[in-house]
């Protein structure tokens, strides 16, 4: 049921998985 992020700036950002909502957010590594 999980949509995964695939097109984002991986050098600047990271994906974070949220088990309780079965979802990802993508945030800046230096400023989450």
ModelCIF file with pLDDT and N, C-alpha, C, O atoms, coordinates in Angstrom:
data_MODEL
#
_entry.id   MODEL 
#
_entity.id                         1 
_entity.type                       polymer 
_entity.pdbx_number_of_molecules   1 
#
_entity_poly.entity_id                      1 
_entity_poly.type                           'polypeptide(L)' 
_entity_poly.nstd_linkage                   no 
_entity_poly.nstd_monomer                   no 
_entity_poly.pdbx_seq_one_letter_code       
;(UNK)(UNK)(UNK)(UNK)(UNK)(UNK)(UNK)(UNK)(UNK)(UNK)(UNK)(UNK)(UNK)(UNK)(UNK)(UNK)
(UNK)(UNK)(UNK)(UNK)(UNK)(UNK)(UNK)(UNK)(UNK)(UNK)(UNK)(UNK)(UNK)(UNK)(UNK)(UNK)
;
_entity_poly.pdbx_seq_one_letter_code_can   XXXXXXXXXXXXXXXXXXXXXXXXXXXXXXXX 
_entity_poly.pdbx_strand_id                 A 
#
loop_
_entity_poly_seq.entity_id 
_entity_poly_seq.num 
_entity_poly_seq.mon_id 
_entity_poly_seq.hetero 
1 1  UNK n 
1 2  UNK n 
1 3  UNK n 
1 4  UNK n 
1 5  UNK n 
1 6  UNK n 
1 7  UNK n 
1 8  UNK n 
1 9  UNK n 
1 10 UNK n 
1 11 UNK n 
1 12 UNK n 
1 13 UNK n 
1 14 UNK n 
1 15 UNK n 
1 16 UNK n 
1 17 UNK n 
1 18 UNK n 
1 19 UNK n 
1 20 UNK n 
1 21 UNK n 
1 22 UNK n 
1 23 UNK n 
1 24 UNK n 
1 25 UNK n 
1 26 UNK n 
1 27 UNK n 
1 28 UNK n 
1 29 UNK n 
1 30 UNK n 
1 31 UNK n 
1 32 UNK n 
#
_struct_asym.id          A 
_struct_asym.entity_id   1 
#
loop_
_ma_qa_metric.id 
_ma_qa_metric.mode 
_ma_qa_metric.name 
_ma_qa_metric.software_group_id 
_ma_qa_metric.type 
1 global pLDDT . pLDDT 
2 local  pLDDT . pLDDT 
#
_ma_qa_metric_global.metric_id      1 
_ma_qa_metric_global.metric_value   95.84 
_ma_qa_metric_global.model_id       1 
_ma_qa_metric_global.ordinal_id     1 
#
loop_
_ma_qa_metric_local.label_asym_id 
_ma_qa_metric_local.label_comp_id 
_ma_qa_metric_local.label_seq_id 
_ma_qa_metric_local.metric_id 
_ma_qa_metric_local.metric_value 
_ma_qa_metric_local.model_id 
_ma_qa_metric_local.ordinal_id 
A UNK 1  2 93.00 1 1  
A UNK 2  2 95.00 1 2  
A UNK 3  2 94.00 1 3  
A UNK 4  2 95.00 1 4  
A UNK 5  2 97.00 1 5  
A UNK 6  2 95.00 1 6  
A UNK 7  2 95.00 1 7  
A UNK 8  2 96.00 1 8  
A UNK 9  2 96.00 1 9  
A UNK 10 2 96.00 1 10 
A UNK 11 2 97.00 1 11 
A UNK 12 2 97.00 1 12 
A UNK 13 2 97.00 1 13 
A UNK 14 2 97.00 1 14 
A UNK 15 2 97.00 1 15 
A UNK 16 2 96.00 1 16 
A UNK 17 2 96.00 1 17 
A UNK 18 2 95.00 1 18 
A UNK 19 2 93.00 1 19 
A UNK 20 2 93.00 1 20 
A UNK 21 2 94.00 1 21 
A UNK 22 2 94.00 1 22 
A UNK 23 2 95.00 1 23 
A UNK 24 2 97.00 1 24 
A UNK 25 2 97.00 1 25 
A UNK 26 2 98.00 1 26 
A UNK 27 2 98.00 1 27 
A UNK 28 2 98.00 1 28 
A UNK 29 2 97.00 1 29 
A UNK 30 2 97.00 1 30 
A UNK 31 2 96.00 1 31 
A UNK 32 2 96.00 1 32 
#
loop_
_atom_site.group_PDB 
_atom_site.id 
_atom_site.type_symbol 
_atom_site.label_atom_id 
_atom_site.label_alt_id 
_atom_site.label_comp_id 
_atom_site.label_asym_id 
_atom_site.label_entity_id 
_atom_site.label_seq_id 
_atom_site.pdbx_PDB_ins_code 
_atom_site.Cartn_x 
_atom_site.Cartn_y 
_atom_site.Cartn_z 
_atom_site.occupancy 
_atom_site.B_iso_or_equiv 
_atom_site.pdbx_formal_charge 
_atom_site.auth_seq_id 
_atom_site.auth_comp_id 
_atom_site.auth_asym_id 
_atom_site.auth_atom_id 
_atom_site.pdbx_PDB_model_num 
ATOM 1   N N  . UNK A 1 1  ? 0.823  -1.208 0.000  1.00 93.00 ? 1  UNK A N  1 
ATOM 2   C CA . UNK A 1 1  ? 0.000  0.000  0.000  1.00 93.00 ? 1  UNK A CA 1 
ATOM 3   C C  . UNK A 1 1  ? 0.861  1.264  0.000  1.00 93.00 ? 1  UNK A C  1 
ATOM 4   O O  . UNK A 1 1  ? 0.334  2.377  0.026  1.00 93.00 ? 1  UNK A O  1 
ATOM 5   N N  . UNK A 1 2  ? 2.182  1.094  -0.029 1.00 95.00 ? 2  UNK A N  1 
ATOM 6   C CA . UNK A 1 2  ? 3.108  2.212  0.154  1.00 95.00 ? 2  UNK A CA 1 
ATOM 7   C C  . UNK A 1 2  ? 3.584  2.767  -1.191 1.00 95.00 ? 2  UNK A C  1 
ATOM 8   O O  . UNK A 1 2  ? 4.110  2.035  -2.029 1.00 95.00 ? 2  UNK A O  1 
ATOM 9   N N  . UNK A 1 3  ? 3.391  4.058  -1.375 1.00 94.00 ? 3  UNK A N  1 
ATOM 10  C CA . UNK A 1 3  ? 3.973  4.760  -2.522 1.00 94.00 ? 3  UNK A CA 1 
ATOM 11  C C  . UNK A 1 3  ? 5.356  5.238  -2.099 1.00 94.00 ? 3  UNK A C  1 
ATOM 12  O O  . UNK A 1 3  ? 5.511  5.867  -1.052 1.00 94.00 ? 3  UNK A O  1 
ATOM 13  N N  . UNK A 1 4  ? 6.363  4.935  -2.922 1.00 95.00 ? 4  UNK A N  1 
ATOM 14  C CA . UNK A 1 4  ? 7.739  5.294  -2.585 1.00 95.00 ? 4  UNK A CA 1 
ATOM 15  C C  . UNK A 1 4  ? 8.212  6.452  -3.470 1.00 95.00 ? 4  UNK A C  1 
ATOM 16  O O  . UNK A 1 4  ? 7.966  6.456  -4.677 1.00 95.00 ? 4  UNK A O  1 
ATOM 17  N N  . UNK A 1 5  ? 8.885  7.423  -2.869 1.00 97.00 ? 5  UNK A N  1 
ATOM 18  C CA . UNK A 1 5  ? 9.420  8.529  -3.664 1.00 97.00 ? 5  UNK A CA 1 
ATOM 19  C C  . UNK A 1 5  ? 10.606 8.052  -4.505 1.00 97.00 ? 5  UNK A C  1 
ATOM 20  O O  . UNK A 1 5  ? 11.491 7.359  -4.003 1.00 97.00 ? 5  UNK A O  1 
ATOM 21  N N  . UNK A 1 6  ? 10.620 8.431  -5.793 1.00 95.00 ? 6  UNK A N  1 
ATOM 22  C CA . UNK A 1 6  ? 11.702 7.977  -6.664 1.00 95.00 ? 6  UNK A CA 1 
ATOM 23  C C  . UNK A 1 6  ? 12.414 9.104  -7.408 1.00 95.00 ? 6  UNK A C  1 
ATOM 24  O O  . UNK A 1 6  ? 13.534 8.909  -7.880 1.00 95.00 ? 6  UNK A O  1 
ATOM 25  N N  . UNK A 1 7  ? 11.807 10.248 -7.521 1.00 95.00 ? 7  UNK A N  1 
ATOM 26  C CA . UNK A 1 7  ? 12.440 11.341 -8.256 1.00 95.00 ? 7  UNK A CA 1 
ATOM 27  C C  . UNK A 1 7  ? 12.556 12.568 -7.356 1.00 95.00 ? 7  UNK A C  1 
ATOM 28  O O  . UNK A 1 7  ? 11.674 13.424 -7.303 1.00 95.00 ? 7  UNK A O  1 
ATOM 29  N N  . UNK A 1 8  ? 13.688 12.613 -6.653 1.00 96.00 ? 8  UNK A N  1 
ATOM 30  C CA . UNK A 1 8  ? 14.002 13.747 -5.791 1.00 96.00 ? 8  UNK A CA 1 
ATOM 31  C C  . UNK A 1 8  ? 15.520 13.859 -5.701 1.00 96.00 ? 8  UNK A C  1 
ATOM 32  O O  . UNK A 1 8  ? 16.229 12.940 -6.109 1.00 96.00 ? 8  UNK A O  1 
ATOM 33  N N  . UNK A 1 9  ? 16.019 14.951 -5.184 1.00 96.00 ? 9  UNK A N  1 
ATOM 34  C CA . UNK A 1 9  ? 17.458 15.187 -5.073 1.00 96.00 ? 9  UNK A CA 1 
ATOM 35  C C  . UNK A 1 9  ? 18.026 14.357 -3.916 1.00 96.00 ? 9  UNK A C  1 
ATOM 36  O O  . UNK A 1 9  ? 18.001 14.783 -2.762 1.00 96.00 ? 9  UNK A O  1 
ATOM 37  N N  . UNK A 1 10 ? 18.541 13.160 -4.247 1.00 96.00 ? 10 UNK A N  1 
ATOM 38  C CA . UNK A 1 10 ? 19.037 12.241 -3.215 1.00 96.00 ? 10 UNK A CA 1 
ATOM 39  C C  . UNK A 1 10 ? 20.307 12.751 -2.527 1.00 96.00 ? 10 UNK A C  1 
ATOM 40  O O  . UNK A 1 10 ? 20.610 12.328 -1.411 1.00 96.00 ? 10 UNK A O  1 
ATOM 41  N N  . UNK A 1 11 ? 21.042 13.636 -3.164 1.00 97.00 ? 11 UNK A N  1 
ATOM 42  C CA . UNK A 1 11 ? 22.249 14.168 -2.528 1.00 97.00 ? 11 UNK A CA 1 
ATOM 43  C C  . UNK A 1 11 ? 21.900 15.180 -1.436 1.00 97.00 ? 11 UNK A C  1 
ATOM 44  O O  . UNK A 1 11 ? 22.649 15.343 -0.473 1.00 97.00 ? 11 UNK A O  1 
ATOM 45  N N  . UNK A 1 12 ? 20.770 15.852 -1.589 1.00 97.00 ? 12 UNK A N  1 
ATOM 46  C CA . UNK A 1 12 ? 20.348 16.889 -0.656 1.00 97.00 ? 12 UNK A CA 1 
ATOM 47  C C  . UNK A 1 12 ? 19.259 16.404 0.315  1.00 97.00 ? 12 UNK A C  1 
ATOM 48  O O  . UNK A 1 12 ? 19.116 16.939 1.414  1.00 97.00 ? 12 UNK A O  1 
ATOM 49  N N  . UNK A 1 13 ? 18.495 15.382 -0.105 1.00 97.00 ? 13 UNK A N  1 
ATOM 50  C CA . UNK A 1 13 ? 17.310 14.976 0.653  1.00 97.00 ? 13 UNK A CA 1 
ATOM 51  C C  . UNK A 1 13 ? 17.347 13.491 1.014  1.00 97.00 ? 13 UNK A C  1 
ATOM 52  O O  . UNK A 1 13 ? 18.086 12.707 0.418  1.00 97.00 ? 13 UNK A O  1 
ATOM 53  N N  . UNK A 1 14 ? 16.535 13.125 2.001  1.00 97.00 ? 14 UNK A N  1 
ATOM 54  C CA . UNK A 1 14 ? 16.393 11.723 2.388  1.00 97.00 ? 14 UNK A CA 1 
ATOM 55  C C  . UNK A 1 14 ? 14.922 11.397 2.590  1.00 97.00 ? 14 UNK A C  1 
ATOM 56  O O  . UNK A 1 14 ? 14.122 12.258 2.956  1.00 97.00 ? 14 UNK A O  1 
ATOM 57  N N  . UNK A 1 15 ? 14.581 10.128 2.341  1.00 97.00 ? 15 UNK A N  1 
ATOM 58  C CA . UNK A 1 15 ? 13.194 9.699  2.550  1.00 97.00 ? 15 UNK A CA 1 
ATOM 59  C C  . UNK A 1 15 ? 13.082 9.072  3.936  1.00 97.00 ? 15 UNK A C  1 
ATOM 60  O O  . UNK A 1 15 ? 13.990 8.381  4.399  1.00 97.00 ? 15 UNK A O  1 
ATOM 61  N N  . UNK A 1 16 ? 11.951 9.331  4.587  1.00 96.00 ? 16 UNK A N  1 
ATOM 62  C CA . UNK A 1 16 ? 11.680 8.808  5.925  1.00 96.00 ? 16 UNK A CA 1 
ATOM 63  C C  . UNK A 1 16 ? 10.345 8.063  5.869  1.00 96.00 ? 16 UNK A C  1 
ATOM 64  O O  . UNK A 1 16 ? 9.332  8.612  5.434  1.00 96.00 ? 16 UNK A O  1 
ATOM 65  N N  . UNK A 1 17 ? 10.360 6.794  6.321  1.00 96.00 ? 17 UNK A N  1 
ATOM 66  C CA . UNK A 1 17 ? 9.152  5.976  6.289  1.00 96.00 ? 17 UNK A CA 1 
ATOM 67  C C  . UNK A 1 17 ? 8.388  6.105  7.604  1.00 96.00 ? 17 UNK A C  1 
ATOM 68  O O  . UNK A 1 17 ? 8.983  6.082  8.681  1.00 96.00 ? 17 UNK A O  1 
ATOM 69  N N  . UNK A 1 18 ? 7.055  6.243  7.505  1.00 95.00 ? 18 UNK A N  1 
ATOM 70  C CA . UNK A 1 18 ? 6.170  6.349  8.666  1.00 95.00 ? 18 UNK A CA 1 
ATOM 71  C C  . UNK A 1 18 ? 5.270  5.115  8.693  1.00 95.00 ? 18 UNK A C  1 
ATOM 72  O O  . UNK A 1 18 ? 4.278  5.045  7.968  1.00 95.00 ? 18 UNK A O  1 
ATOM 73  N N  . UNK A 1 19 ? 5.624  4.144  9.533  1.00 93.00 ? 19 UNK A N  1 
ATOM 74  C CA . UNK A 1 19 ? 4.904  2.868  9.615  1.00 93.00 ? 19 UNK A CA 1 
ATOM 75  C C  . UNK A 1 19 ? 3.428  3.064  9.963  1.00 93.00 ? 19 UNK A C  1 
ATOM 76  O O  . UNK A 1 19 ? 2.565  2.375  9.419  1.00 93.00 ? 19 UNK A O  1 
ATOM 77  N N  . UNK A 1 20 ? 3.139  3.995  10.861 1.00 93.00 ? 20 UNK A N  1 
ATOM 78  C CA . UNK A 1 20 ? 1.763  4.179  11.328 1.00 93.00 ? 20 UNK A CA 1 
ATOM 79  C C  . UNK A 1 20 ? 0.814  4.662  10.222 1.00 93.00 ? 20 UNK A C  1 
ATOM 80  O O  . UNK A 1 20 ? -0.388 4.407  10.290 1.00 93.00 ? 20 UNK A O  1 
ATOM 81  N N  . UNK A 1 21 ? 1.342  5.353  9.210  1.00 94.00 ? 21 UNK A N  1 
ATOM 82  C CA . UNK A 1 21 ? 0.501  5.838  8.106  1.00 94.00 ? 21 UNK A CA 1 
ATOM 83  C C  . UNK A 1 21 ? 0.860  5.174  6.771  1.00 94.00 ? 21 UNK A C  1 
ATOM 84  O O  . UNK A 1 21 ? 0.260  5.478  5.741  1.00 94.00 ? 21 UNK A O  1 
ATOM 85  N N  . UNK A 1 22 ? 1.832  4.276  6.798  1.00 94.00 ? 22 UNK A N  1 
ATOM 86  C CA . UNK A 1 22 ? 2.285  3.590  5.574  1.00 94.00 ? 22 UNK A CA 1 
ATOM 87  C C  . UNK A 1 22 ? 2.655  4.600  4.486  1.00 94.00 ? 22 UNK A C  1 
ATOM 88  O O  . UNK A 1 22 ? 2.246  4.468  3.332  1.00 94.00 ? 22 UNK A O  1 
ATOM 89  N N  . UNK A 1 23 ? 3.427  5.598  4.872  1.00 95.00 ? 23 UNK A N  1 
ATOM 90  C CA . UNK A 1 23 ? 3.784  6.650  3.919  1.00 95.00 ? 23 UNK A CA 1 
ATOM 91  C C  . UNK A 1 23 ? 5.227  7.122  4.135  1.00 95.00 ? 23 UNK A C  1 
ATOM 92  O O  . UNK A 1 23 ? 5.838  6.876  5.175  1.00 95.00 ? 23 UNK A O  1 
ATOM 93  N N  . UNK A 1 24 ? 5.746  7.810  3.112  1.00 97.00 ? 24 UNK A N  1 
ATOM 94  C CA . UNK A 1 24 ? 7.074  8.407  3.177  1.00 97.00 ? 24 UNK A CA 1 
ATOM 95  C C  . UNK A 1 24 ? 6.953  9.923  3.148  1.00 97.00 ? 24 UNK A C  1 
ATOM 96  O O  . UNK A 1 24 ? 6.023  10.470 2.555  1.00 97.00 ? 24 UNK A O  1 
ATOM 97  N N  . UNK A 1 25 ? 7.893  10.593 3.788  1.00 97.00 ? 25 UNK A N  1 
ATOM 98  C CA . UNK A 1 25 ? 8.113  12.014 3.556  1.00 97.00 ? 25 UNK A CA 1 
ATOM 99  C C  . UNK A 1 25 ? 9.555  12.143 3.091  1.00 97.00 ? 25 UNK A C  1 
ATOM 100 O O  . UNK A 1 25 ? 10.401 11.310 3.415  1.00 97.00 ? 25 UNK A O  1 
ATOM 101 N N  . UNK A 1 26 ? 9.822  13.180 2.339  1.00 98.00 ? 26 UNK A N  1 
ATOM 102 C CA . UNK A 1 26 ? 11.179 13.444 1.865  1.00 98.00 ? 26 UNK A CA 1 
ATOM 103 C C  . UNK A 1 26 ? 11.577 14.816 2.402  1.00 98.00 ? 26 UNK A C  1 
ATOM 104 O O  . UNK A 1 26 ? 10.928 15.825 2.128  1.00 98.00 ? 26 UNK A O  1 
ATOM 105 N N  . UNK A 1 27 ? 12.670 14.824 3.181  1.00 98.00 ? 27 UNK A N  1 
ATOM 106 C CA . UNK A 1 27 ? 13.107 16.044 3.852  1.00 98.00 ? 27 UNK A CA 1 
ATOM 107 C C  . UNK A 1 27 ? 14.582 16.311 3.555  1.00 98.00 ? 27 UNK A C  1 
ATOM 108 O O  . UNK A 1 27 ? 15.327 15.423 3.141  1.00 98.00 ? 27 UNK A O  1 
ATOM 109 N N  . UNK A 1 28 ? 14.973 17.554 3.779  1.00 98.00 ? 28 UNK A N  1 
ATOM 110 C CA . UNK A 1 28 ? 16.371 17.913 3.597  1.00 98.00 ? 28 UNK A CA 1 
ATOM 111 C C  . UNK A 1 28 ? 17.213 17.235 4.680  1.00 98.00 ? 28 UNK A C  1 
ATOM 112 O O  . UNK A 1 28 ? 16.814 17.171 5.843  1.00 98.00 ? 28 UNK A O  1 
ATOM 113 N N  . UNK A 1 29 ? 18.384 16.732 4.280  1.00 97.00 ? 29 UNK A N  1 
ATOM 114 C CA . UNK A 1 29 ? 19.275 16.077 5.237  1.00 97.00 ? 29 UNK A CA 1 
ATOM 115 C C  . UNK A 1 29 ? 19.769 17.059 6.291  1.00 97.00 ? 29 UNK A C  1 
ATOM 116 O O  . UNK A 1 29 ? 19.850 16.713 7.470  1.00 97.00 ? 29 UNK A O  1 
ATOM 117 N N  . UNK A 1 30 ? 20.099 18.280 5.877  1.00 97.00 ? 30 UNK A N  1 
ATOM 118 C CA . UNK A 1 30 ? 20.640 19.278 6.792  1.00 97.00 ? 30 UNK A CA 1 
ATOM 119 C C  . UNK A 1 30 ? 19.564 20.006 7.597  1.00 97.00 ? 30 UNK A C  1 
ATOM 120 O O  . UNK A 1 30 ? 19.863 20.615 8.624  1.00 97.00 ? 30 UNK A O  1 
ATOM 121 N N  . UNK A 1 31 ? 18.307 19.943 7.131  1.00 96.00 ? 31 UNK A N  1 
ATOM 122 C CA . UNK A 1 31 ? 17.212 20.621 7.811  1.00 96.00 ? 31 UNK A CA 1 
ATOM 123 C C  . UNK A 1 31 ? 15.949 19.765 7.695  1.00 96.00 ? 31 UNK A C  1 
ATOM 124 O O  . UNK A 1 31 ? 15.101 20.033 6.843  1.00 96.00 ? 31 UNK A O  1 
ATOM 125 N N  . UNK A 1 32 ? 15.813 18.738 8.541  1.00 96.00 ? 32 UNK A N  1 
ATOM 126 C CA . UNK A 1 32 ? 14.682 17.808 8.439  1.00 96.00 ? 32 UNK A CA 1 
ATOM 127 C C  . UNK A 1 32 ? 13.306 18.458 8.611  1.00 96.00 ? 32 UNK A C  1 
ATOM 128 O O  . UNK A 1 32 ? 12.286 17.771 8.545  1.00 96.00 ? 32 UNK A O  1 
#
